[in-house]
Amino acid sequence: MKVVVMGAGAVGGYLGGVLARFGEDVTLIEMGEHLDAIRSGGLRLSTNWGDFTVTPSATSNPADVGPVDLILYTVKTYSGDVVFPLIKPMIGPETTILTVQNGVMSYSRIAAAFGPERVLPGAAYIEVGRLEPGHVKQTGPTARIEFGEMNGTITPRVEAAAELFSKEGIQVQISTDIESALWTKLVSVGAIGTVMAVARAPLSEVFAGPEGERTVRTVMEEIVAVGKAKGVRFAPDVVDAHMASAMEEMDVYQSSLQLDLESGRPLEIDDILGAAVREGRDLGVPVPASAALCVALEKSKHGRPRA
């Protein structure tokens, strides 16, 4: 299978790097210093399963690649208007676009641009960050990718993707209710990541504070209330399970929203917790804690102006 990783930063770099380690035909699409570092010295990965360097093909121009079997789409959610035209040269008759972006809206946007028959919605659960150009670090025992058809059927392309990603360092889960999976992830990422970003603190410090745990739980409960109003199914213990997991992994938990804030990059807040706030407003579901967090990050969401 010919695979392209569109946006080989943290999550994309990790997944693409693991595939390359095991000999898969992978091309990384990146730009700037990160691309230069990959081309000159390979992509370094520091992981729970060991450290290694891979040397996959890498380019900034998708037109150089031609049609592929699978596009692993991991770019930031706010980049669609720029990125969508760039991937057109890589789309052939049988191409699947597997999106593992944050939030619950990315599938519908890509499906509107390229057709729902081409898009496979998914989610990634990986504590990972880019330490420096050409170097990605993953922490903790979890590096899971989950995906499935919107109608819940297990199709040949779902099975093929599951076989592709079944490698040491990646746990694969096929979902028969991917909408529920995406909202379930939002419960965790939307609450924990946003609180960490607003607090400018690691999760262990958030939980050590007098109101940290209560705040995270309250935001989780608000997201669940919005999802239920939309008809999304959640496990009965979804909030308790996420809180228990967060407590267990608080020393290694990384928030991409917080990392982007600290680096002065644009934030995905509108497509993560902001999506739940908008849906809550439309559905008449009160989300005061979530709205307050979004307001706190409003001035930062476009990133710091470049000198």
Protein backbone atom coordinates (compact mmCIF):
# COMPACT_ATOMS: atom_id res chain seq x y z
CA MET A 1 0.00 0.00 0.00
CA LYS A 2 1.30 3.44 -0.98
CA VAL A 3 0.81 5.81 1.95
CA VAL A 4 1.21 9.56 2.35
CA VAL A 5 1.21 11.37 5.68
CA MET A 6 -0.20 14.84 5.13
CA GLY A 7 1.23 16.88 7.97
CA ALA A 8 4.05 14.80 9.46
CA GLY A 9 4.45 16.80 12.65
CA ALA A 10 3.80 15.14 16.01
CA VAL A 11 0.98 12.61 15.47
CA GLY A 12 1.62 12.25 11.73
CA GLY A 13 5.36 12.00 12.23
CA TYR A 14 4.93 9.31 14.85
CA LEU A 15 2.50 7.15 12.87
CA GLY A 16 4.39 7.63 9.63
CA GLY A 17 7.69 6.94 11.35
CA VAL A 18 6.47 3.65 12.81
CA LEU A 19 5.13 2.56 9.41
CA ALA A 20 8.47 3.43 7.80
CA ARG A 21 10.33 1.51 10.51
CA PHE A 22 8.53 -1.64 9.42
CA GLY A 23 9.17 -1.15 5.71
CA GLU A 24 5.90 0.37 4.53
CA ASP A 25 5.92 2.62 1.46
CA VAL A 26 5.48 5.99 3.21
CA THR A 27 6.00 9.56 2.03
CA LEU A 28 5.90 12.43 4.51
CA ILE A 29 4.50 15.79 3.44
CA GLU A 30 5.99 18.59 5.53
CA MET A 31 7.62 21.97 5.18
CA GLY A 32 10.19 24.28 6.70
CA GLU A 33 12.87 23.27 9.18
CA HIS A 34 11.14 20.00 10.04
CA LEU A 35 11.28 18.87 6.41
CA ASP A 36 14.90 20.01 6.06
CA ALA A 37 15.88 18.02 9.15
CA ILE A 38 14.09 14.87 7.93
CA ARG A 39 15.77 15.11 4.55
CA SER A 40 19.24 15.66 5.98
CA GLY A 41 19.26 13.31 8.95
CA GLY A 42 16.08 11.27 8.87
CA LEU A 43 13.15 11.39 11.28
CA ARG A 44 14.17 10.59 14.86
CA LEU A 45 11.56 8.99 17.11
CA SER A 46 11.88 8.61 20.86
CA THR A 47 9.15 6.23 21.97
CA ASN A 48 7.92 3.90 24.67
CA TRP A 49 9.10 1.06 22.41
CA GLY A 50 12.61 2.38 21.88
CA ASP A 51 14.39 5.11 19.96
CA PHE A 52 15.04 4.88 16.24
CA THR A 53 15.61 6.91 13.09
CA VAL A 54 13.86 6.34 9.77
CA THR A 55 14.51 7.79 6.35
CA PRO A 56 11.23 7.81 4.41
CA SER A 57 10.65 9.94 1.35
CA ALA A 58 9.75 13.50 2.32
CA THR A 59 8.62 16.47 0.29
CA SER A 60 6.72 19.74 0.56
CA ASN A 61 5.01 19.24 -2.80
CA PRO A 62 2.23 16.63 -2.94
CA ALA A 63 2.23 16.85 -6.74
CA ASP A 64 5.62 15.09 -6.67
CA VAL A 65 4.01 11.99 -5.15
CA GLY A 66 1.15 11.21 -7.53
CA PRO A 67 -1.91 9.07 -6.69
CA VAL A 68 -1.69 6.97 -3.53
CA ASP A 69 -3.76 4.33 -1.77
CA LEU A 70 -4.05 6.06 1.60
CA ILE A 71 -3.67 9.66 2.73
CA LEU A 72 -3.21 9.88 6.49
CA TYR A 73 -4.55 13.37 7.10
CA THR A 74 -3.14 14.85 10.32
CA VAL A 75 -2.85 18.58 9.63
CA LYS A 76 -4.35 21.17 11.96
CA THR A 77 -8.09 21.60 11.58
CA TYR A 78 -7.83 25.28 10.64
CA SER A 79 -5.62 24.49 7.60
CA GLY A 80 -8.26 22.88 5.38
CA ASP A 81 -8.77 25.78 2.99
CA VAL A 82 -5.05 25.80 2.21
CA VAL A 83 -4.39 22.06 2.28
CA PHE A 84 -7.40 20.65 0.40
CA PRO A 85 -6.26 21.91 -3.03
CA LEU A 86 -2.76 20.56 -2.41
CA ILE A 87 -3.82 16.95 -1.94
CA LYS A 88 -5.85 16.70 -5.13
CA PRO A 89 -2.89 15.39 -7.20
CA MET A 90 -2.55 12.45 -4.79
CA ILE A 91 -6.13 11.29 -5.13
CA GLY A 92 -6.70 8.40 -7.53
CA PRO A 93 -9.73 6.19 -8.19
CA GLU A 94 -9.21 4.10 -5.03
CA THR A 95 -7.65 6.63 -2.66
CA THR A 96 -8.88 6.73 0.94
CA ILE A 97 -8.36 9.78 3.16
CA LEU A 98 -8.05 8.70 6.79
CA THR A 99 -8.45 11.76 9.00
CA VAL A 100 -7.21 11.63 12.58
CA GLN A 101 -7.53 15.32 13.39
CA ASN A 102 -8.79 16.75 16.65
CA GLY A 103 -12.45 17.57 17.11
CA VAL A 104 -15.66 16.13 15.71
CA MET A 105 -16.11 18.21 12.55
CA SER A 106 -13.12 17.34 10.35
CA TYR A 107 -14.77 14.34 8.68
CA SER A 108 -17.71 16.39 7.38
CA ARG A 109 -15.44 19.08 5.96
CA ILE A 110 -13.22 16.64 4.08
CA ALA A 111 -16.25 14.65 2.91
CA ALA A 112 -17.80 17.84 1.54
CA ALA A 113 -14.60 18.57 -0.38
CA PHE A 114 -13.80 15.11 -1.75
CA GLY A 115 -16.92 12.98 -1.28
CA PRO A 116 -17.87 10.84 1.72
CA GLU A 117 -16.93 7.67 -0.16
CA ARG A 118 -13.26 8.71 -0.01
CA VAL A 119 -13.09 9.64 3.67
CA LEU A 120 -12.55 7.39 6.67
CA PRO A 121 -13.00 9.20 10.00
CA GLY A 122 -10.72 8.35 12.86
CA ALA A 123 -8.99 9.48 16.01
CA ALA A 124 -5.52 9.11 17.49
CA TYR A 125 -4.74 8.68 21.16
CA ILE A 126 -1.02 9.37 21.45
CA GLU A 127 0.96 11.49 23.91
CA VAL A 128 3.42 12.92 21.43
CA GLY A 129 5.17 16.17 20.62
CA ARG A 130 7.83 17.53 18.30
CA LEU A 131 10.90 18.28 20.41
CA GLU A 132 12.79 19.96 17.59
CA PRO A 133 12.88 19.80 13.80
CA GLY A 134 13.26 16.17 12.78
CA HIS A 135 12.66 14.76 16.28
CA VAL A 136 9.34 13.45 17.64
CA LYS A 137 8.89 12.15 21.20
CA GLN A 138 6.08 9.82 22.29
CA THR A 139 5.46 8.98 25.94
CA GLY A 140 3.36 6.43 27.79
CA PRO A 141 2.05 2.98 26.85
CA THR A 142 -0.79 4.19 24.65
CA ALA A 143 -0.38 4.95 20.94
CA ARG A 144 -3.78 4.02 19.58
CA ILE A 145 -5.53 4.81 16.32
CA GLU A 146 -9.26 4.22 15.97
CA PHE A 147 -11.30 4.47 12.78
CA GLY A 148 -14.41 3.19 11.08
CA GLU A 149 -17.10 3.86 8.53
CA MET A 150 -19.81 6.35 9.48
CA ASN A 151 -22.47 3.67 8.96
CA GLY A 152 -20.63 1.21 11.20
CA THR A 153 -19.92 -1.46 8.59
CA ILE A 154 -16.50 -3.11 8.50
CA THR A 155 -15.50 -2.66 4.87
CA PRO A 156 -12.44 -3.97 3.00
CA ARG A 157 -10.74 -0.58 3.28
CA VAL A 158 -11.23 -0.59 7.04
CA GLU A 159 -9.70 -4.05 7.27
CA ALA A 160 -6.81 -3.02 5.00
CA ALA A 161 -6.07 0.05 7.13
CA ALA A 162 -6.21 -2.06 10.29
CA GLU A 163 -3.69 -4.49 8.83
CA LEU A 164 -1.43 -1.61 7.76
CA PHE A 165 -1.27 0.01 11.19
CA SER A 166 -0.99 -3.20 13.21
CA LYS A 167 2.65 -2.69 14.15
CA GLU A 168 4.62 -2.63 17.38
CA GLY A 169 4.08 0.87 18.74
CA ILE A 170 0.56 1.27 17.37
CA GLN A 171 -2.62 -0.18 18.81
CA VAL A 172 -5.47 -0.42 16.31
CA GLN A 173 -9.17 -0.28 17.10
CA ILE A 174 -11.92 -0.63 14.50
CA SER A 175 -15.00 1.32 15.50
CA THR A 176 -18.58 0.45 14.57
CA ASP A 177 -19.76 3.78 16.04
CA ILE A 178 -17.12 6.30 15.05
CA GLU A 179 -19.28 9.33 15.89
CA SER A 180 -19.44 8.13 19.47
CA ALA A 181 -15.68 7.51 19.43
CA LEU A 182 -14.96 11.05 18.21
CA TRP A 183 -17.20 12.65 20.82
CA THR A 184 -15.77 10.39 23.51
CA LYS A 185 -12.29 11.62 22.63
CA LEU A 186 -13.56 15.20 22.65
CA VAL A 187 -14.72 14.70 26.24
CA SER A 188 -11.10 14.09 27.22
CA VAL A 189 -9.15 16.34 24.85
CA GLY A 190 -11.61 19.23 24.96
CA ALA A 191 -11.59 19.33 28.74
CA ILE A 192 -8.08 18.36 29.77
CA GLY A 193 -6.15 20.02 26.96
CA THR A 194 -8.01 23.30 27.24
CA VAL A 195 -7.70 23.52 31.02
CA MET A 196 -3.96 22.82 30.75
CA ALA A 197 -3.59 25.53 28.13
CA VAL A 198 -5.53 28.13 30.12
CA ALA A 199 -3.67 27.20 33.32
CA ARG A 200 -0.29 27.20 31.53
CA ALA A 201 0.52 24.16 33.63
CA PRO A 202 1.11 20.41 33.27
CA LEU A 203 -1.79 18.18 34.23
CA SER A 204 -0.16 17.13 37.50
CA GLU A 205 -0.11 20.78 38.61
CA VAL A 206 -3.70 21.29 37.46
CA PHE A 207 -4.87 18.37 39.58
CA ALA A 208 -2.77 19.54 42.54
CA GLY A 209 -4.69 22.82 42.66
CA PRO A 210 -7.85 23.24 44.73
CA GLU A 211 -10.23 23.50 41.75
CA GLY A 212 -8.33 21.71 38.97
CA GLU A 213 -9.95 18.29 39.16
CA ARG A 214 -13.42 19.79 39.65
CA THR A 215 -12.98 22.09 36.64
CA VAL A 216 -11.84 19.32 34.32
CA ARG A 217 -14.75 17.11 35.41
CA THR A 218 -17.27 19.93 34.94
CA VAL A 219 -16.11 20.60 31.36
CA MET A 220 -16.25 16.88 30.57
CA GLU A 221 -19.83 16.74 31.87
CA GLU A 222 -20.79 19.73 29.72
CA ILE A 223 -19.38 18.09 26.57
CA VAL A 224 -21.26 14.88 27.33
CA ALA A 225 -24.49 16.85 27.81
CA VAL A 226 -24.06 18.48 24.39
CA GLY A 227 -23.28 15.17 22.72
CA LYS A 228 -26.30 13.48 24.26
CA ALA A 229 -28.51 16.32 23.04
CA LYS A 230 -27.25 15.52 19.53
CA GLY A 231 -28.07 11.83 19.98
CA VAL A 232 -24.49 10.67 20.51
CA ARG A 233 -24.11 7.49 22.58
CA PHE A 234 -21.64 7.48 25.47
CA ALA A 235 -20.58 4.79 27.89
CA PRO A 236 -22.34 5.36 31.23
CA ASP A 237 -19.00 5.89 32.99
CA VAL A 238 -17.36 8.00 30.26
CA VAL A 239 -16.45 10.90 32.55
CA ASP A 240 -15.25 8.71 35.42
CA ALA A 241 -13.19 6.60 33.02
CA HIS A 242 -11.54 9.66 31.46
CA MET A 243 -10.81 11.15 34.87
CA ALA A 244 -9.26 7.90 36.10
CA SER A 245 -7.10 7.67 33.00
CA ALA A 246 -6.03 11.29 33.35
CA MET A 247 -5.05 10.77 36.99
CA GLU A 248 -3.03 7.71 36.03
CA GLU A 249 -1.21 9.41 33.15
CA MET A 250 -1.01 12.98 34.46
CA ASP A 251 2.79 12.95 34.64
CA VAL A 252 3.16 12.17 30.92
CA TYR A 253 0.01 13.80 29.52
CA GLN A 254 0.69 16.24 26.68
CA SER A 255 -1.76 18.77 25.29
CA SER A 256 -1.25 19.80 21.67
CA LEU A 257 -3.31 22.92 22.39
CA GLN A 258 -0.96 23.88 25.22
CA LEU A 259 2.15 23.16 23.12
CA ASP A 260 0.79 25.34 20.31
CA LEU A 261 -0.02 28.13 22.77
CA GLU A 262 3.47 28.04 24.28
CA SER A 263 5.03 28.07 20.82
CA GLY A 264 2.90 30.98 19.61
CA ARG A 265 1.20 28.89 16.93
CA PRO A 266 -2.51 29.19 16.02
CA LEU A 267 -4.85 27.17 18.20
CA GLU A 268 -7.48 24.59 17.26
CA ILE A 269 -9.74 25.79 20.08
CA ASP A 270 -12.64 26.58 17.70
CA ASP A 271 -12.67 22.98 16.45
CA ILE A 272 -12.12 21.28 19.80
CA LEU A 273 -13.92 22.72 22.83
CA GLY A 274 -15.31 25.57 20.75
CA ALA A 275 -17.31 23.07 18.68
CA ALA A 276 -19.05 21.81 21.82
CA VAL A 277 -19.77 25.39 22.92
CA ARG A 278 -21.34 26.27 19.56
CA GLU A 279 -23.39 23.08 19.48
CA GLY A 280 -24.48 23.68 23.06
CA ARG A 281 -25.66 27.18 22.21
CA ASP A 282 -27.60 25.92 19.20
CA LEU A 283 -29.20 23.11 21.20
CA GLY A 284 -29.93 25.15 24.30
CA VAL A 285 -27.49 23.19 26.48
CA PRO A 286 -25.71 25.36 29.09
CA VAL A 287 -21.90 25.13 28.87
CA PRO A 288 -20.65 28.01 31.06
CA ALA A 289 -17.33 26.48 32.11
CA SER A 290 -16.46 25.47 28.53
CA ALA A 291 -17.43 28.90 27.19
CA ALA A 292 -15.27 30.63 29.81
CA LEU A 293 -12.23 28.58 28.79
CA CYS A 294 -12.77 29.44 25.13
CA VAL A 295 -13.03 33.14 26.00
CA ALA A 296 -9.74 32.89 27.91
CA LEU A 297 -7.97 31.65 24.76
CA GLU A 298 -9.73 33.88 22.24
CA LYS A 299 -6.90 36.43 21.98
CA SER A 300 -4.33 33.67 21.42
CA LYS A 301 -6.13 31.52 18.86
CA HIS A 302 -4.48 33.14 15.83
CA GLY A 303 -0.98 32.74 17.27
CA ARG A 304 1.69 35.34 17.92
CA PRO A 305 2.47 37.70 15.03
CA ARG A 306 5.74 36.77 13.37
CA ALA A 307 8.54 39.31 13.52
